[in-house]
N, C-alpha and C. Protein backbone atom coordinates (compact mmCIF):
# COMPACT_ATOMS: atom_id res chain seq x y z
N MET A 1 -35.21 -123.26 32.02
CA MET A 1 -33.90 -122.84 31.57
C MET A 1 -33.62 -123.45 30.21
N GLU A 2 -33.20 -122.62 29.27
CA GLU A 2 -32.88 -123.10 27.93
C GLU A 2 -31.37 -123.06 27.73
N LYS A 3 -30.84 -124.10 27.12
CA LYS A 3 -29.40 -124.20 26.89
C LYS A 3 -29.12 -124.25 25.40
N ILE A 4 -28.21 -123.38 24.95
CA ILE A 4 -27.79 -123.34 23.56
C ILE A 4 -26.35 -123.83 23.51
N LEU A 5 -26.12 -124.92 22.80
CA LEU A 5 -24.79 -125.50 22.68
C LEU A 5 -24.13 -124.99 21.40
N VAL A 6 -23.16 -124.12 21.55
CA VAL A 6 -22.50 -123.49 20.41
C VAL A 6 -21.82 -124.54 19.53
N TYR A 7 -21.22 -125.54 20.15
CA TYR A 7 -20.53 -126.60 19.40
C TYR A 7 -21.49 -127.33 18.47
N GLU A 8 -22.71 -127.56 18.92
CA GLU A 8 -23.68 -128.25 18.08
C GLU A 8 -24.09 -127.41 16.87
N LEU A 9 -24.03 -126.10 17.03
CA LEU A 9 -24.40 -125.22 15.92
C LEU A 9 -23.26 -125.03 14.92
N PHE A 10 -22.02 -124.87 15.42
CA PHE A 10 -20.91 -124.44 14.56
C PHE A 10 -19.66 -125.30 14.64
N GLY A 11 -19.68 -126.37 15.39
CA GLY A 11 -18.47 -127.16 15.56
C GLY A 11 -17.50 -126.46 16.49
N ASN A 12 -16.21 -126.69 16.29
CA ASN A 12 -15.24 -126.13 17.23
C ASN A 12 -14.73 -124.73 16.85
N LEU A 13 -15.33 -124.11 15.82
CA LEU A 13 -14.93 -122.77 15.40
C LEU A 13 -16.13 -121.82 15.44
N ALA A 14 -16.01 -120.77 16.22
CA ALA A 14 -17.03 -119.71 16.27
C ALA A 14 -16.33 -118.45 15.80
N VAL A 15 -16.34 -118.23 14.48
CA VAL A 15 -15.46 -117.21 13.93
C VAL A 15 -16.12 -116.15 13.07
N SER A 16 -17.22 -116.46 12.40
CA SER A 16 -17.73 -115.50 11.41
C SER A 16 -18.87 -114.64 11.97
N ASP A 17 -19.04 -113.48 11.34
CA ASP A 17 -20.17 -112.60 11.67
C ASP A 17 -21.49 -113.32 11.43
N GLU A 18 -21.55 -114.04 10.31
CA GLU A 18 -22.79 -114.73 9.94
C GLU A 18 -23.18 -115.76 11.00
N ASP A 19 -22.22 -116.53 11.47
CA ASP A 19 -22.51 -117.50 12.53
C ASP A 19 -22.90 -116.79 13.82
N GLY A 20 -22.27 -115.66 14.10
CA GLY A 20 -22.64 -114.87 15.27
C GLY A 20 -24.08 -114.40 15.19
N GLU A 21 -24.50 -114.02 14.00
CA GLU A 21 -25.89 -113.58 13.81
C GLU A 21 -26.87 -114.74 14.04
N ILE A 22 -26.47 -115.94 13.64
CA ILE A 22 -27.31 -117.12 13.88
C ILE A 22 -27.44 -117.37 15.38
N LEU A 23 -26.32 -117.30 16.09
CA LEU A 23 -26.38 -117.49 17.54
C LEU A 23 -27.21 -116.39 18.18
N HIS A 24 -27.03 -115.16 17.73
CA HIS A 24 -27.81 -114.04 18.26
C HIS A 24 -29.30 -114.31 18.12
N ALA A 25 -29.72 -114.77 16.95
CA ALA A 25 -31.13 -115.07 16.71
C ALA A 25 -31.62 -116.16 17.66
N ASN A 26 -30.80 -117.17 17.90
CA ASN A 26 -31.16 -118.24 18.84
C ASN A 26 -31.30 -117.70 20.26
N ILE A 27 -30.40 -116.82 20.65
CA ILE A 27 -30.46 -116.23 21.99
C ILE A 27 -31.71 -115.36 22.13
N GLU A 28 -31.98 -114.53 21.12
CA GLU A 28 -33.16 -113.67 21.17
C GLU A 28 -34.44 -114.50 21.29
N LYS A 29 -34.50 -115.58 20.53
CA LYS A 29 -35.67 -116.45 20.60
C LYS A 29 -35.83 -117.02 22.00
N ALA A 30 -34.73 -117.46 22.58
CA ALA A 30 -34.77 -118.02 23.94
C ALA A 30 -35.13 -116.95 24.96
N LEU A 31 -34.64 -115.73 24.78
CA LEU A 31 -34.94 -114.64 25.71
C LEU A 31 -36.40 -114.17 25.60
N SER A 32 -37.06 -114.51 24.52
CA SER A 32 -38.45 -114.10 24.38
C SER A 32 -39.36 -114.82 25.39
N GLY A 33 -38.87 -115.93 25.92
CA GLY A 33 -39.59 -116.60 27.01
C GLY A 33 -39.22 -115.98 28.34
N ASP A 34 -39.59 -116.64 29.40
CA ASP A 34 -39.33 -116.09 30.73
C ASP A 34 -38.14 -116.71 31.45
N SER A 35 -37.55 -117.74 30.87
CA SER A 35 -36.52 -118.47 31.60
C SER A 35 -35.12 -117.93 31.32
N LYS A 36 -34.18 -118.44 32.09
CA LYS A 36 -32.77 -118.14 31.91
C LYS A 36 -32.27 -118.84 30.66
N VAL A 37 -31.25 -118.25 30.04
CA VAL A 37 -30.66 -118.83 28.83
C VAL A 37 -29.18 -119.07 29.10
N ILE A 38 -28.75 -120.29 28.85
CA ILE A 38 -27.34 -120.65 28.98
C ILE A 38 -26.77 -120.82 27.58
N VAL A 39 -25.69 -120.11 27.29
CA VAL A 39 -24.97 -120.27 26.04
C VAL A 39 -23.67 -120.97 26.39
N ASP A 40 -23.54 -122.21 25.94
CA ASP A 40 -22.44 -123.09 26.33
C ASP A 40 -21.42 -123.20 25.20
N PHE A 41 -20.19 -122.76 25.47
CA PHE A 41 -19.10 -122.80 24.50
C PHE A 41 -18.17 -123.99 24.71
N ASN A 42 -18.55 -124.96 25.51
CA ASN A 42 -17.70 -126.14 25.71
C ASN A 42 -17.38 -126.80 24.38
N ASN A 43 -16.14 -127.23 24.23
CA ASN A 43 -15.61 -127.90 23.03
C ASN A 43 -15.39 -126.97 21.85
N VAL A 44 -15.63 -125.68 22.01
CA VAL A 44 -15.34 -124.72 20.95
C VAL A 44 -13.92 -124.23 21.18
N GLU A 45 -13.07 -124.49 20.21
CA GLU A 45 -11.63 -124.20 20.35
C GLU A 45 -11.28 -122.75 20.03
N VAL A 46 -11.94 -122.17 19.02
CA VAL A 46 -11.62 -120.82 18.57
C VAL A 46 -12.89 -119.97 18.58
N VAL A 47 -12.82 -118.84 19.29
CA VAL A 47 -13.93 -117.89 19.33
C VAL A 47 -13.34 -116.52 19.01
N LEU A 48 -13.73 -115.95 17.88
CA LEU A 48 -13.21 -114.65 17.48
C LEU A 48 -14.11 -113.52 17.97
N THR A 49 -13.49 -112.36 18.14
CA THR A 49 -14.21 -111.18 18.61
C THR A 49 -15.35 -110.81 17.68
N GLN A 50 -15.15 -110.93 16.38
CA GLN A 50 -16.22 -110.56 15.44
C GLN A 50 -17.45 -111.45 15.64
N PHE A 51 -17.24 -112.70 15.99
CA PHE A 51 -18.35 -113.61 16.29
C PHE A 51 -19.08 -113.12 17.54
N LEU A 52 -18.32 -112.78 18.58
CA LEU A 52 -18.92 -112.31 19.83
C LEU A 52 -19.66 -110.99 19.63
N ASN A 53 -19.11 -110.12 18.79
CA ASN A 53 -19.80 -108.86 18.51
C ASN A 53 -21.17 -109.11 17.90
N SER A 54 -21.23 -110.00 16.92
CA SER A 54 -22.50 -110.30 16.25
C SER A 54 -23.46 -111.05 17.15
N ALA A 55 -22.93 -111.95 17.96
CA ALA A 55 -23.78 -112.82 18.78
C ALA A 55 -24.21 -112.18 20.09
N ILE A 56 -23.27 -111.56 20.79
CA ILE A 56 -23.52 -111.10 22.16
C ILE A 56 -23.68 -109.59 22.26
N ALA A 57 -22.76 -108.84 21.67
CA ALA A 57 -22.80 -107.38 21.83
C ALA A 57 -24.12 -106.79 21.35
N THR A 58 -24.65 -107.32 20.27
CA THR A 58 -25.88 -106.78 19.70
C THR A 58 -27.10 -107.02 20.59
N LEU A 59 -26.98 -107.89 21.57
CA LEU A 59 -28.08 -108.09 22.52
C LEU A 59 -28.36 -106.82 23.31
N TYR A 60 -27.33 -106.00 23.52
CA TYR A 60 -27.47 -104.79 24.33
C TYR A 60 -28.26 -103.69 23.61
N GLU A 61 -28.56 -103.90 22.33
CA GLU A 61 -29.39 -102.94 21.62
C GLU A 61 -30.84 -103.00 22.13
N LYS A 62 -31.32 -104.21 22.44
CA LYS A 62 -32.71 -104.39 22.85
C LYS A 62 -32.88 -104.70 24.34
N HIS A 63 -31.81 -105.14 24.98
CA HIS A 63 -31.90 -105.57 26.37
C HIS A 63 -30.94 -104.76 27.22
N ASP A 64 -31.38 -104.39 28.42
CA ASP A 64 -30.47 -103.65 29.28
C ASP A 64 -29.56 -104.62 30.03
N SER A 65 -28.53 -104.06 30.58
CA SER A 65 -27.49 -104.83 31.25
C SER A 65 -28.04 -105.67 32.40
N ASP A 66 -28.94 -105.09 33.19
CA ASP A 66 -29.50 -105.82 34.33
C ASP A 66 -30.27 -107.06 33.88
N GLU A 67 -31.07 -106.91 32.84
CA GLU A 67 -31.81 -108.07 32.33
C GLU A 67 -30.87 -109.17 31.87
N LEU A 68 -29.83 -108.80 31.12
CA LEU A 68 -28.90 -109.81 30.62
C LEU A 68 -28.10 -110.45 31.75
N LYS A 69 -27.77 -109.68 32.78
CA LYS A 69 -27.09 -110.27 33.94
C LYS A 69 -27.95 -111.32 34.62
N GLN A 70 -29.25 -111.06 34.68
CA GLN A 70 -30.17 -111.98 35.34
C GLN A 70 -30.52 -113.20 34.50
N ARG A 71 -30.59 -113.02 33.20
CA ARG A 71 -31.19 -114.07 32.36
C ARG A 71 -30.23 -114.78 31.41
N LEU A 72 -29.03 -114.24 31.19
CA LEU A 72 -28.10 -114.83 30.24
C LEU A 72 -26.85 -115.31 30.96
N VAL A 73 -26.53 -116.59 30.77
CA VAL A 73 -25.33 -117.18 31.35
C VAL A 73 -24.48 -117.72 30.21
N ILE A 74 -23.22 -117.32 30.17
CA ILE A 74 -22.30 -117.78 29.15
C ILE A 74 -21.24 -118.64 29.83
N THR A 75 -21.14 -119.89 29.39
CA THR A 75 -20.22 -120.83 30.02
C THR A 75 -19.31 -121.47 28.98
N GLY A 76 -18.22 -122.04 29.47
CA GLY A 76 -17.36 -122.88 28.64
C GLY A 76 -16.34 -122.16 27.80
N LEU A 77 -16.24 -120.84 27.89
CA LEU A 77 -15.21 -120.12 27.14
C LEU A 77 -13.84 -120.39 27.76
N LYS A 78 -12.85 -120.63 26.93
CA LYS A 78 -11.50 -120.87 27.44
C LYS A 78 -10.93 -119.61 28.09
N SER A 79 -11.30 -118.46 27.55
CA SER A 79 -10.90 -117.17 28.11
C SER A 79 -12.09 -116.22 27.99
N THR A 80 -12.29 -115.43 29.02
CA THR A 80 -13.40 -114.48 28.99
C THR A 80 -12.93 -113.05 28.68
N ASP A 81 -11.65 -112.87 28.40
CA ASP A 81 -11.13 -111.53 28.13
C ASP A 81 -11.84 -110.85 26.97
N SER A 82 -11.94 -111.53 25.84
CA SER A 82 -12.61 -110.94 24.67
C SER A 82 -14.07 -110.66 24.96
N LEU A 83 -14.72 -111.57 25.64
CA LEU A 83 -16.13 -111.38 25.97
C LEU A 83 -16.32 -110.14 26.84
N ARG A 84 -15.47 -109.97 27.82
CA ARG A 84 -15.57 -108.80 28.70
C ARG A 84 -15.41 -107.50 27.92
N LYS A 85 -14.45 -107.47 27.00
CA LYS A 85 -14.22 -106.28 26.19
C LYS A 85 -15.40 -106.00 25.26
N VAL A 86 -15.92 -107.05 24.65
CA VAL A 86 -17.07 -106.91 23.74
C VAL A 86 -18.27 -106.35 24.50
N ILE A 87 -18.52 -106.86 25.68
CA ILE A 87 -19.67 -106.40 26.48
C ILE A 87 -19.47 -104.95 26.92
N ALA A 88 -18.27 -104.61 27.36
CA ALA A 88 -18.00 -103.23 27.79
C ALA A 88 -18.22 -102.25 26.65
N ARG A 89 -17.72 -102.59 25.46
CA ARG A 89 -17.91 -101.71 24.30
C ARG A 89 -19.38 -101.62 23.91
N ALA A 90 -20.08 -102.72 23.98
CA ALA A 90 -21.50 -102.72 23.62
C ALA A 90 -22.31 -101.83 24.56
N LYS A 91 -22.04 -101.93 25.85
CA LYS A 91 -22.76 -101.10 26.81
C LYS A 91 -22.54 -99.62 26.51
N THR A 92 -21.31 -99.25 26.25
CA THR A 92 -20.98 -97.86 25.95
C THR A 92 -21.63 -97.42 24.64
N PHE A 93 -21.49 -98.24 23.62
CA PHE A 93 -22.03 -97.89 22.31
C PHE A 93 -23.54 -97.70 22.36
N TYR A 94 -24.25 -98.67 22.91
CA TYR A 94 -25.71 -98.58 22.89
C TYR A 94 -26.23 -97.51 23.85
N ALA A 95 -25.51 -97.24 24.93
CA ALA A 95 -25.91 -96.14 25.83
C ALA A 95 -25.76 -94.81 25.10
N ASP A 96 -24.63 -94.62 24.39
CA ASP A 96 -24.41 -93.39 23.64
C ASP A 96 -25.39 -93.26 22.49
N GLU A 97 -25.69 -94.37 21.82
CA GLU A 97 -26.64 -94.35 20.71
C GLU A 97 -28.01 -93.87 21.19
N LYS A 98 -28.43 -94.35 22.36
CA LYS A 98 -29.73 -93.94 22.90
C LYS A 98 -29.72 -92.46 23.27
N LYS A 99 -28.62 -91.98 23.82
CA LYS A 99 -28.52 -90.56 24.17
C LYS A 99 -28.61 -89.68 22.93
N VAL A 100 -27.93 -90.09 21.86
CA VAL A 100 -27.97 -89.32 20.61
C VAL A 100 -29.39 -89.31 20.05
N ALA A 101 -30.05 -90.45 20.04
CA ALA A 101 -31.43 -90.52 19.53
C ALA A 101 -32.36 -89.65 20.37
N GLU A 102 -32.19 -89.65 21.69
CA GLU A 102 -33.02 -88.81 22.56
C GLU A 102 -32.78 -87.33 22.27
N PHE A 103 -31.51 -86.97 22.06
CA PHE A 103 -31.17 -85.58 21.75
C PHE A 103 -31.82 -85.15 20.44
N ILE A 104 -31.72 -86.00 19.44
CA ILE A 104 -32.31 -85.68 18.12
C ILE A 104 -33.81 -85.51 18.26
N ASP A 105 -34.47 -86.41 18.98
CA ASP A 105 -35.91 -86.29 19.18
C ASP A 105 -36.27 -85.01 19.93
N LYS A 106 -35.51 -84.74 20.98
CA LYS A 106 -35.80 -83.58 21.83
C LYS A 106 -35.61 -82.27 21.06
N GLU A 107 -34.54 -82.19 20.30
CA GLU A 107 -34.22 -80.95 19.59
C GLU A 107 -34.94 -80.85 18.26
N GLN A 108 -35.60 -81.91 17.85
CA GLN A 108 -36.31 -81.95 16.57
C GLN A 108 -35.43 -81.44 15.44
N ILE A 109 -34.25 -81.99 15.38
CA ILE A 109 -33.27 -81.57 14.39
C ILE A 109 -33.77 -81.80 12.97
N TYR A 110 -34.50 -82.88 12.77
CA TYR A 110 -34.93 -83.22 11.42
C TYR A 110 -36.36 -82.80 11.11
N GLY A 111 -36.90 -81.88 11.83
CA GLY A 111 -38.26 -81.51 11.49
C GLY A 111 -38.71 -80.38 12.29
């Protein structure tokens, strides 16, 4: 099991897209192994949606929901409301994106 401490990376503010991308890269690296990954937000006072979009939502582009449910644990958030919304939007977005790509390939629109 690998644990990523958000506070150690960014202090008590998790707010920017850029920092979210850094966390995303850390999570992807950890997911490349076989173990569970814990992302710990303890001691982080402010977590903005844009950070969560860059860090967490983008995981759904390469990983399906079942895999992330099994292997990714997010702890220490003061509120999970924003996280739940970000995940719900990501699931919808990436599912629709895959359907559009499949349609384009099937219909050979560009060739």
